[in-house]
Amino acid sequence: AGTARVAGYDVVADAEEVKRRISLTGQSAAVDEVLTGTE
């Protein structure tokens, strides 16, 4: 229940528009151990 808007778009009705305007970093590092920083 309830509503939320991020960057002007509804997170349910306009989910794809929200995804284009956000980024998420979680609690663990999402990096590939065998690659370099540049890679």
All heavy atoms as atom14 arrays in JSON, in Angstrom:
{
  "sequence": "AGTARVAGYDVVADAEEVKRRISLTGQSAAVDEVLTGTE",
  "atom14_mask": [
    [1, 1, 1, 1, 1, 0, 0, 0, 0, 0, 0, 0, 0, 0],
    [1, 1, 1, 1, 0, 0, 0, 0, 0, 0, 0, 0, 0, 0],
    [1, 1, 1, 1, 1, 1, 1, 0, 0, 0, 0, 0, 0, 0],
    [1, 1, 1, 1, 1, 0, 0, 0, 0, 0, 0, 0, 0, 0],
    [1, 1, 1, 1, 1, 1, 1, 1, 1, 1, 1, 0, 0, 0],
    [1, 1, 1, 1, 1, 1, 1, 0, 0, 0, 0, 0, 0, 0],
    [1, 1, 1, 1, 1, 0, 0, 0, 0, 0, 0, 0, 0, 0],
    [1, 1, 1, 1, 0, 0, 0, 0, 0, 0, 0, 0, 0, 0],
    [1, 1, 1, 1, 1, 1, 1, 1, 1, 1, 1, 1, 0, 0],
    [1, 1, 1, 1, 1, 1, 1, 1, 0, 0, 0, 0, 0, 0],
    [1, 1, 1, 1, 1, 1, 1, 0, 0, 0, 0, 0, 0, 0],
    [1, 1, 1, 1, 1, 1, 1, 0, 0, 0, 0, 0, 0, 0],
    [1, 1, 1, 1, 1, 0, 0, 0, 0, 0, 0, 0, 0, 0],
    [1, 1, 1, 1, 1, 1, 1, 1, 0, 0, 0, 0, 0, 0],
    [1, 1, 1, 1, 1, 0, 0, 0, 0, 0, 0, 0, 0, 0],
    [1, 1, 1, 1, 1, 1, 1, 1, 1, 0, 0, 0, 0, 0],
    [1, 1, 1, 1, 1, 1, 1, 1, 1, 0, 0, 0, 0, 0],
    [1, 1, 1, 1, 1, 1, 1, 0, 0, 0, 0, 0, 0, 0],
    [1, 1, 1, 1, 1, 1, 1, 1, 1, 0, 0, 0, 0, 0],
    [1, 1, 1, 1, 1, 1, 1, 1, 1, 1, 1, 0, 0, 0],
    [1, 1, 1, 1, 1, 1, 1, 1, 1, 1, 1, 0, 0, 0],
    [1, 1, 1, 1, 1, 1, 1, 1, 0, 0, 0, 0, 0, 0],
    [1, 1, 1, 1, 1, 1, 0, 0, 0, 0, 0, 0, 0, 0],
    [1, 1, 1, 1, 1, 1, 1, 1, 0, 0, 0, 0, 0, 0],
    [1, 1, 1, 1, 1, 1, 1, 0, 0, 0, 0, 0, 0, 0],
    [1, 1, 1, 1, 0, 0, 0, 0, 0, 0, 0, 0, 0, 0],
    [1, 1, 1, 1, 1, 1, 1, 1, 1, 0, 0, 0, 0, 0],
    [1, 1, 1, 1, 1, 1, 0, 0, 0, 0, 0, 0, 0, 0],
    [1, 1, 1, 1, 1, 0, 0, 0, 0, 0, 0, 0, 0, 0],
    [1, 1, 1, 1, 1, 0, 0, 0, 0, 0, 0, 0, 0, 0],
    [1, 1, 1, 1, 1, 1, 1, 0, 0, 0, 0, 0, 0, 0],
    [1, 1, 1, 1, 1, 1, 1, 1, 0, 0, 0, 0, 0, 0],
    [1, 1, 1, 1, 1, 1, 1, 1, 1, 0, 0, 0, 0, 0],
    [1, 1, 1, 1, 1, 1, 1, 0, 0, 0, 0, 0, 0, 0],
    [1, 1, 1, 1, 1, 1, 1, 1, 0, 0, 0, 0, 0, 0],
    [1, 1, 1, 1, 1, 1, 1, 0, 0, 0, 0, 0, 0, 0],
    [1, 1, 1, 1, 0, 0, 0, 0, 0, 0, 0, 0, 0, 0],
    [1, 1, 1, 1, 1, 1, 1, 0, 0, 0, 0, 0, 0, 0],
    [1, 1, 1, 1, 1, 1, 1, 1, 1, 0, 0, 0, 0, 0]
  ],
  "atom14_positions": [
    [[0.86, -1.18, 0.0], [0.0, 0.0, 0.0], [0.9, 1.23, 0.0], [2.08, 1.16, 0.3], [-0.92, 0.01, 1.23], [0.0, 0.0, 0.0], [0.0, 0.0, 0.0], [0.0, 0.0, 0.0], [0.0, 0.0, 0.0], [0.0, 0.0, 0.0], [0.0, 0.0, 0.0], [0.0, 0.0, 0.0], [0.0, 0.0, 0.0], [0.0, 0.0, 0.0]],
    [[0.31, 2.37, -0.34], [1.06, 3.61, -0.37], [1.65, 3.88, -1.74], [1.55, 3.06, -2.67], [0.0, 0.0, 0.0], [0.0, 0.0, 0.0], [0.0, 0.0, 0.0], [0.0, 0.0, 0.0], [0.0, 0.0, 0.0], [0.0, 0.0, 0.0], [0.0, 0.0, 0.0], [0.0, 0.0, 0.0], [0.0, 0.0, 0.0], [0.0, 0.0, 0.0]],
    [[2.27, 5.05, -1.89], [2.87, 5.45, -3.15], [4.27, 5.98, -2.93], [4.61, 6.44, -1.84], [2.04, 6.55, -3.83], [2.0, 7.71, -2.97], [0.61, 6.08, -4.1], [0.0, 0.0, 0.0], [0.0, 0.0, 0.0], [0.0, 0.0, 0.0], [0.0, 0.0, 0.0], [0.0, 0.0, 0.0], [0.0, 0.0, 0.0], [0.0, 0.0, 0.0]],
    [[5.08, 5.9, -3.98], [6.43, 6.46, -3.93], [6.82, 6.94, -5.32], [6.5, 6.29, -6.33], [7.43, 5.42, -3.42], [0.0, 0.0, 0.0], [0.0, 0.0, 0.0], [0.0, 0.0, 0.0], [0.0, 0.0, 0.0], [0.0, 0.0, 0.0], [0.0, 0.0, 0.0], [0.0, 0.0, 0.0], [0.0, 0.0, 0.0], [0.0, 0.0, 0.0]],
    [[7.5, 8.07, -5.35], [8.01, 8.63, -6.59], [9.5, 8.9, -6.43], [9.94, 9.43, -5.41], [7.27, 9.93, -6.96], [5.78, 9.74, -7.16], [5.09, 11.06, -7.49], [5.46, 11.53, -8.82], [4.86, 11.13, -9.94], [3.87, 10.24, -9.9], [5.25, 11.62, -11.11], [0.0, 0.0, 0.0], [0.0, 0.0, 0.0], [0.0, 0.0, 0.0]],
    [[10.27, 8.52, -7.44], [11.71, 8.75, -7.46], [12.06, 9.46, -8.76], [11.67, 9.01, -9.85], [12.49, 7.43, -7.35], [13.99, 7.68, -7.48], [12.18, 6.74, -6.03], [0.0, 0.0, 0.0], [0.0, 0.0, 0.0], [0.0, 0.0, 0.0], [0.0, 0.0, 0.0], [0.0, 0.0, 0.0], [0.0, 0.0, 0.0], [0.0, 0.0, 0.0]],
    [[12.75, 10.58, -8.66], [13.11, 11.4, -9.83], [11.87, 11.77, -10.63], [11.92, 11.89, -11.86], [14.13, 10.67, -10.7], [0.0, 0.0, 0.0], [0.0, 0.0, 0.0], [0.0, 0.0, 0.0], [0.0, 0.0, 0.0], [0.0, 0.0, 0.0], [0.0, 0.0, 0.0], [0.0, 0.0, 0.0], [0.0, 0.0, 0.0], [0.0, 0.0, 0.0]],
    [[10.74, 11.92, -9.93], [9.51, 12.36, -10.57], [8.63, 11.26, -11.11], [7.54, 11.54, -11.65], [0.0, 0.0, 0.0], [0.0, 0.0, 0.0], [0.0, 0.0, 0.0], [0.0, 0.0, 0.0], [0.0, 0.0, 0.0], [0.0, 0.0, 0.0], [0.0, 0.0, 0.0], [0.0, 0.0, 0.0], [0.0, 0.0, 0.0], [0.0, 0.0, 0.0]],
    [[9.02, 9.99, -10.96], [8.26, 8.89, -11.53], [7.8, 7.92, -10.44], [8.52, 7.66, -9.48], [9.11, 8.13, -12.56], [9.39, 8.95, -13.8], [10.55, 9.73, -13.87], [8.52, 8.96, -14.87], [10.82, 10.5, -15.0], [8.77, 9.72, -16.0], [9.92, 10.49, -16.06], [10.18, 11.26, -17.17], [0.0, 0.0, 0.0], [0.0, 0.0, 0.0]],
    [[6.61, 7.37, -10.66], [6.04, 6.41, -9.73], [6.8, 5.09, -9.81], [7.03, 4.56, -10.92], [4.55, 6.18, -10.05], [3.86, 5.32, -9.03], [3.96, 4.08, -9.13], [3.22, 5.87, -8.11], [0.0, 0.0, 0.0], [0.0, 0.0, 0.0], [0.0, 0.0, 0.0], [0.0, 0.0, 0.0], [0.0, 0.0, 0.0], [0.0, 0.0, 0.0]],
    [[7.17, 4.52, -8.66], [8.01, 3.33, -8.64], [7.28, 2.07, -9.12], [7.93, 1.08, -9.46], [8.6, 3.07, -7.24], [9.5, 4.22, -6.82], [7.51, 2.82, -6.21], [0.0, 0.0, 0.0], [0.0, 0.0, 0.0], [0.0, 0.0, 0.0], [0.0, 0.0, 0.0], [0.0, 0.0, 0.0], [0.0, 0.0, 0.0], [0.0, 0.0, 0.0]],
    [[5.96, 2.12, -9.14], [5.18, 0.97, -9.64], [4.73, 1.21, -11.07], [5.03, 0.44, -11.98], [3.97, 0.69, -8.72], [3.12, -0.45, -9.31], [4.44, 0.32, -7.32], [0.0, 0.0, 0.0], [0.0, 0.0, 0.0], [0.0, 0.0, 0.0], [0.0, 0.0, 0.0], [0.0, 0.0, 0.0], [0.0, 0.0, 0.0], [0.0, 0.0, 0.0]],
    [[4.03, 2.31, -11.31], [3.47, 2.59, -12.63], [4.55, 2.94, -13.65], [4.4, 2.64, -14.85], [2.46, 3.73, -12.53], [0.0, 0.0, 0.0], [0.0, 0.0, 0.0], [0.0, 0.0, 0.0], [0.0, 0.0, 0.0], [0.0, 0.0, 0.0], [0.0, 0.0, 0.0], [0.0, 0.0, 0.0], [0.0, 0.0, 0.0], [0.0, 0.0, 0.0]],
    [[5.64, 3.56, -13.21], [6.7, 4.0, -14.13], [8.04, 3.38, -13.75], [9.08, 4.06, -13.75], [6.82, 5.53, -14.09], [5.5, 6.22, -14.38], [4.86, 5.87, -15.39], [5.12, 7.1, -13.59], [0.0, 0.0, 0.0], [0.0, 0.0, 0.0], [0.0, 0.0, 0.0], [0.0, 0.0, 0.0], [0.0, 0.0, 0.0], [0.0, 0.0, 0.0]],
    [[8.03, 2.1, -13.43], [9.23, 1.43, -12.92], [10.42, 1.54, -13.88], [11.55, 1.77, -13.44], [8.93, -0.03, -12.63], [0.0, 0.0, 0.0], [0.0, 0.0, 0.0], [0.0, 0.0, 0.0], [0.0, 0.0, 0.0], [0.0, 0.0, 0.0], [0.0, 0.0, 0.0], [0.0, 0.0, 0.0], [0.0, 0.0, 0.0], [0.0, 0.0, 0.0]],
    [[10.19, 1.4, -15.17], [11.29, 1.46, -16.13], [11.92, 2.85, -16.18], [13.14, 3.0, -16.32], [10.81, 1.04, -17.52], [10.44, -0.43, -17.63], [11.6, -1.34, -17.21], [12.74, -1.1, -17.65], [11.35, -2.29, -16.45], [0.0, 0.0, 0.0], [0.0, 0.0, 0.0], [0.0, 0.0, 0.0], [0.0, 0.0, 0.0], [0.0, 0.0, 0.0]],
    [[11.08, 3.89, -16.07], [11.61, 5.26, -16.04], [12.44, 5.5, -14.78], [13.47, 6.17, -14.81], [10.47, 6.27, -16.13], [9.72, 6.26, -17.44], [10.6, 6.69, -18.61], [11.56, 7.44, -18.38], [10.32, 6.25, -19.74], [0.0, 0.0, 0.0], [0.0, 0.0, 0.0], [0.0, 0.0, 0.0], [0.0, 0.0, 0.0], [0.0, 0.0, 0.0]],
    [[11.99, 4.94, -13.66], [12.75, 5.06, -12.41], [14.11, 4.39, -12.55], [15.14, 4.96, -12.18], [11.97, 4.45, -11.23], [12.85, 4.38, -9.97], [10.7, 5.25, -10.94], [0.0, 0.0, 0.0], [0.0, 0.0, 0.0], [0.0, 0.0, 0.0], [0.0, 0.0, 0.0], [0.0, 0.0, 0.0], [0.0, 0.0, 0.0], [0.0, 0.0, 0.0]],
    [[14.13, 3.2, -13.12], [15.38, 2.44, -13.25], [16.41, 3.19, -14.08], [17.62, 3.08, -13.84], [15.1, 1.08, -13.9], [14.35, 0.12, -13.0], [14.01, -1.16, -13.76], [13.16, -2.1, -12.92], [12.77, -3.32, -13.66], [0.0, 0.0, 0.0], [0.0, 0.0, 0.0], [0.0, 0.0, 0.0], [0.0, 0.0, 0.0], [0.0, 0.0, 0.0]],
    [[15.97, 3.98, -15.06], [16.9, 4.73, -15.9], [17.55, 5.89, -15.16], [18.55, 6.44, -15.62], [16.17, 5.27, -17.13], [15.68, 4.2, -18.1], [15.13, 4.81, -19.37], [14.62, 3.8, -20.27], [13.34, 3.46, -20.39], [12.43, 4.1, -19.66], [12.96, 2.51, -21.22], [0.0, 0.0, 0.0], [0.0, 0.0, 0.0], [0.0, 0.0, 0.0]],
    [[16.99, 6.25, -14.01], [17.44, 7.45, -13.3], [18.08, 7.16, -11.94], [18.36, 8.09, -11.2], [16.25, 8.4, -13.13], [15.81, 8.99, -14.47], [14.41, 9.59, -14.4], [14.09, 10.26, -15.66], [13.66, 9.63, -16.75], [13.48, 8.3, -16.73], [13.4, 10.3, -17.86], [0.0, 0.0, 0.0], [0.0, 0.0, 0.0], [0.0, 0.0, 0.0]],
    [[18.27, 5.89, -11.64], [18.83, 5.53, -10.33], [19.98, 4.56, -10.47], [20.17, 3.93, -11.53], [17.76, 4.9, -9.41], [17.31, 3.54, -9.97], [16.59, 5.84, -9.2], [16.41, 2.74, -9.04], [0.0, 0.0, 0.0], [0.0, 0.0, 0.0], [0.0, 0.0, 0.0], [0.0, 0.0, 0.0], [0.0, 0.0, 0.0], [0.0, 0.0, 0.0]],
    [[20.73, 4.44, -9.4], [21.74, 3.39, -9.28], [21.72, 2.92, -7.84], [21.39, 3.69, -6.93], [23.12, 3.91, -9.67], [24.04, 2.84, -9.75], [0.0, 0.0, 0.0], [0.0, 0.0, 0.0], [0.0, 0.0, 0.0], [0.0, 0.0, 0.0], [0.0, 0.0, 0.0], [0.0, 0.0, 0.0], [0.0, 0.0, 0.0], [0.0, 0.0, 0.0]],
    [[22.08, 1.65, -7.63], [22.03, 1.05, -6.3], [23.32, 0.33, -6.0], [23.8, -0.47, -6.8], [20.86, 0.06, -6.22], [20.81, -0.89, -5.01], [20.62, -0.1, -3.71], [19.68, -1.91, -5.18], [0.0, 0.0, 0.0], [0.0, 0.0, 0.0], [0.0, 0.0, 0.0], [0.0, 0.0, 0.0], [0.0, 0.0, 0.0], [0.0, 0.0, 0.0]],
    [[23.9, 0.65, -4.84], [25.05, -0.1, -4.34], [24.64, -0.78, -3.05], [24.23, -0.13, -2.1], [26.25, 0.84, -4.06], [26.66, 1.44, -5.29], [27.41, 0.05, -3.48], [0.0, 0.0, 0.0], [0.0, 0.0, 0.0], [0.0, 0.0, 0.0], [0.0, 0.0, 0.0], [0.0, 0.0, 0.0], [0.0, 0.0, 0.0], [0.0, 0.0, 0.0]],
    [[24.73, -2.11, -3.04], [24.27, -2.88, -1.9], [25.32, -3.04, -0.83], [26.34, -2.34, -0.81], [0.0, 0.0, 0.0], [0.0, 0.0, 0.0], [0.0, 0.0, 0.0], [0.0, 0.0, 0.0], [0.0, 0.0, 0.0], [0.0, 0.0, 0.0], [0.0, 0.0, 0.0], [0.0, 0.0, 0.0], [0.0, 0.0, 0.0], [0.0, 0.0, 0.0]],
    [[25.11, -4.0, 0.05], [25.98, -4.17, 1.22], [27.26, -4.93, 0.92], [28.18, -4.94, 1.72], [25.21, -4.87, 2.34], [24.03, -4.08, 2.84], [23.24, -4.81, 3.91], [23.77, -5.7, 4.57], [21.98, -4.47, 4.08], [0.0, 0.0, 0.0], [0.0, 0.0, 0.0], [0.0, 0.0, 0.0], [0.0, 0.0, 0.0], [0.0, 0.0, 0.0]],
    [[27.33, -5.59, -0.24], [28.54, -6.32, -0.6], [29.05, -5.81, -1.95], [28.27, -5.38, -2.79], [28.26, -7.83, -0.69], [27.25, -8.09, -1.65], [0.0, 0.0, 0.0], [0.0, 0.0, 0.0], [0.0, 0.0, 0.0], [0.0, 0.0, 0.0], [0.0, 0.0, 0.0], [0.0, 0.0, 0.0], [0.0, 0.0, 0.0], [0.0, 0.0, 0.0]],
    [[30.36, -5.86, -2.12], [30.96, -5.33, -3.33], [30.65, -6.22, -4.53], [30.98, -7.4, -4.55], [32.47, -5.21, -3.14], [0.0, 0.0, 0.0], [0.0, 0.0, 0.0], [0.0, 0.0, 0.0], [0.0, 0.0, 0.0], [0.0, 0.0, 0.0], [0.0, 0.0, 0.0], [0.0, 0.0, 0.0], [0.0, 0.0, 0.0], [0.0, 0.0, 0.0]],
    [[30.01, -5.64, -5.56], [29.62, -6.39, -6.75], [30.7, -6.26, -7.82], [30.51, -5.66, -8.87], [28.27, -5.87, -7.26], [0.0, 0.0, 0.0], [0.0, 0.0, 0.0], [0.0, 0.0, 0.0], [0.0, 0.0, 0.0], [0.0, 0.0, 0.0], [0.0, 0.0, 0.0], [0.0, 0.0, 0.0], [0.0, 0.0, 0.0], [0.0, 0.0, 0.0]],
    [[31.86, -6.82, -7.53], [32.99, -6.71, -8.44], [33.48, -8.1, -8.82], [33.25, -9.08, -8.11], [34.14, -5.91, -7.79], [33.75, -4.45, -7.63], [34.54, -6.49, -6.43], [0.0, 0.0, 0.0], [0.0, 0.0, 0.0], [0.0, 0.0, 0.0], [0.0, 0.0, 0.0], [0.0, 0.0, 0.0], [0.0, 0.0, 0.0], [0.0, 0.0, 0.0]],
    [[34.17, -8.18, -9.98], [34.71, -9.45, -10.47], [36.16, -9.56, -10.01], [37.02, -8.77, -10.41], [34.62, -9.49, -12.0], [34.89, -10.89, -12.54], [35.82, -11.55, -12.03], [34.17, -11.33, -13.46], [0.0, 0.0, 0.0], [0.0, 0.0, 0.0], [0.0, 0.0, 0.0], [0.0, 0.0, 0.0], [0.0, 0.0, 0.0], [0.0, 0.0, 0.0]],
    [[36.45, -10.56, -9.2], [37.76, -10.71, -8.57], [38.89, -10.93, -9.58], [40.04, -10.55, -9.31], [37.73, -11.88, -7.59], [36.84, -11.68, -6.39], [37.45, -10.75, -5.35], [38.69, -10.64, -5.32], [36.69, -10.15, -4.59], [0.0, 0.0, 0.0], [0.0, 0.0, 0.0], [0.0, 0.0, 0.0], [0.0, 0.0, 0.0], [0.0, 0.0, 0.0]],
    [[38.6, -11.55, -10.72], [39.68, -11.91, -11.64], [39.98, -10.79, -12.63], [40.95, -10.89, -13.4], [39.34, -13.21, -12.41], [39.11, -14.35, -11.44], [38.14, -13.01, -13.32], [0.0, 0.0, 0.0], [0.0, 0.0, 0.0], [0.0, 0.0, 0.0], [0.0, 0.0, 0.0], [0.0, 0.0, 0.0], [0.0, 0.0, 0.0], [0.0, 0.0, 0.0]],
    [[39.19, -9.73, -12.63], [39.42, -8.61, -13.53], [40.13, -7.48, -12.81], [40.12, -7.38, -11.58], [38.09, -8.1, -14.1], [37.25, -9.08, -14.9], [35.98, -8.41, -15.39], [38.05, -9.67, -16.07], [0.0, 0.0, 0.0], [0.0, 0.0, 0.0], [0.0, 0.0, 0.0], [0.0, 0.0, 0.0], [0.0, 0.0, 0.0], [0.0, 0.0, 0.0]],
    [[40.76, -6.6, -13.56], [41.38, -5.42, -12.99], [40.31, -4.35, -12.74], [39.15, -4.49, -13.16], [42.43, -4.84, -13.95], [41.77, -4.34, -15.13], [43.45, -5.9, -14.34], [0.0, 0.0, 0.0], [0.0, 0.0, 0.0], [0.0, 0.0, 0.0], [0.0, 0.0, 0.0], [0.0, 0.0, 0.0], [0.0, 0.0, 0.0], [0.0, 0.0, 0.0]],
    [[40.72, -3.27, -12.06], [39.78, -2.17, -11.84], [39.26, -1.61, -13.15], [38.05, -1.39, -13.31], [0.0, 0.0, 0.0], [0.0, 0.0, 0.0], [0.0, 0.0, 0.0], [0.0, 0.0, 0.0], [0.0, 0.0, 0.0], [0.0, 0.0, 0.0], [0.0, 0.0, 0.0], [0.0, 0.0, 0.0], [0.0, 0.0, 0.0], [0.0, 0.0, 0.0]],
    [[40.17, -1.39, -14.1], [39.75, -0.86, -15.41], [38.81, -1.83, -16.1], [37.77, -1.42, -16.66], [40.99, -0.62, -16.29], [41.77, 0.43, -15.72], [40.56, -0.21, -17.7], [0.0, 0.0, 0.0], [0.0, 0.0, 0.0], [0.0, 0.0, 0.0], [0.0, 0.0, 0.0], [0.0, 0.0, 0.0], [0.0, 0.0, 0.0], [0.0, 0.0, 0.0]],
    [[39.14, -3.12, -16.09], [38.31, -4.11, -16.79], [36.91, -4.19, -16.19], [35.92, -4.34, -16.93], [39.0, -5.47, -16.75], [40.24, -5.54, -17.64], [41.07, -6.78, -17.38], [40.91, -7.42, -16.32], [41.92, -7.11, -18.24], [0.0, 0.0, 0.0], [0.0, 0.0, 0.0], [0.0, 0.0, 0.0], [0.0, 0.0, 0.0], [0.0, 0.0, 0.0]]
  ]
}
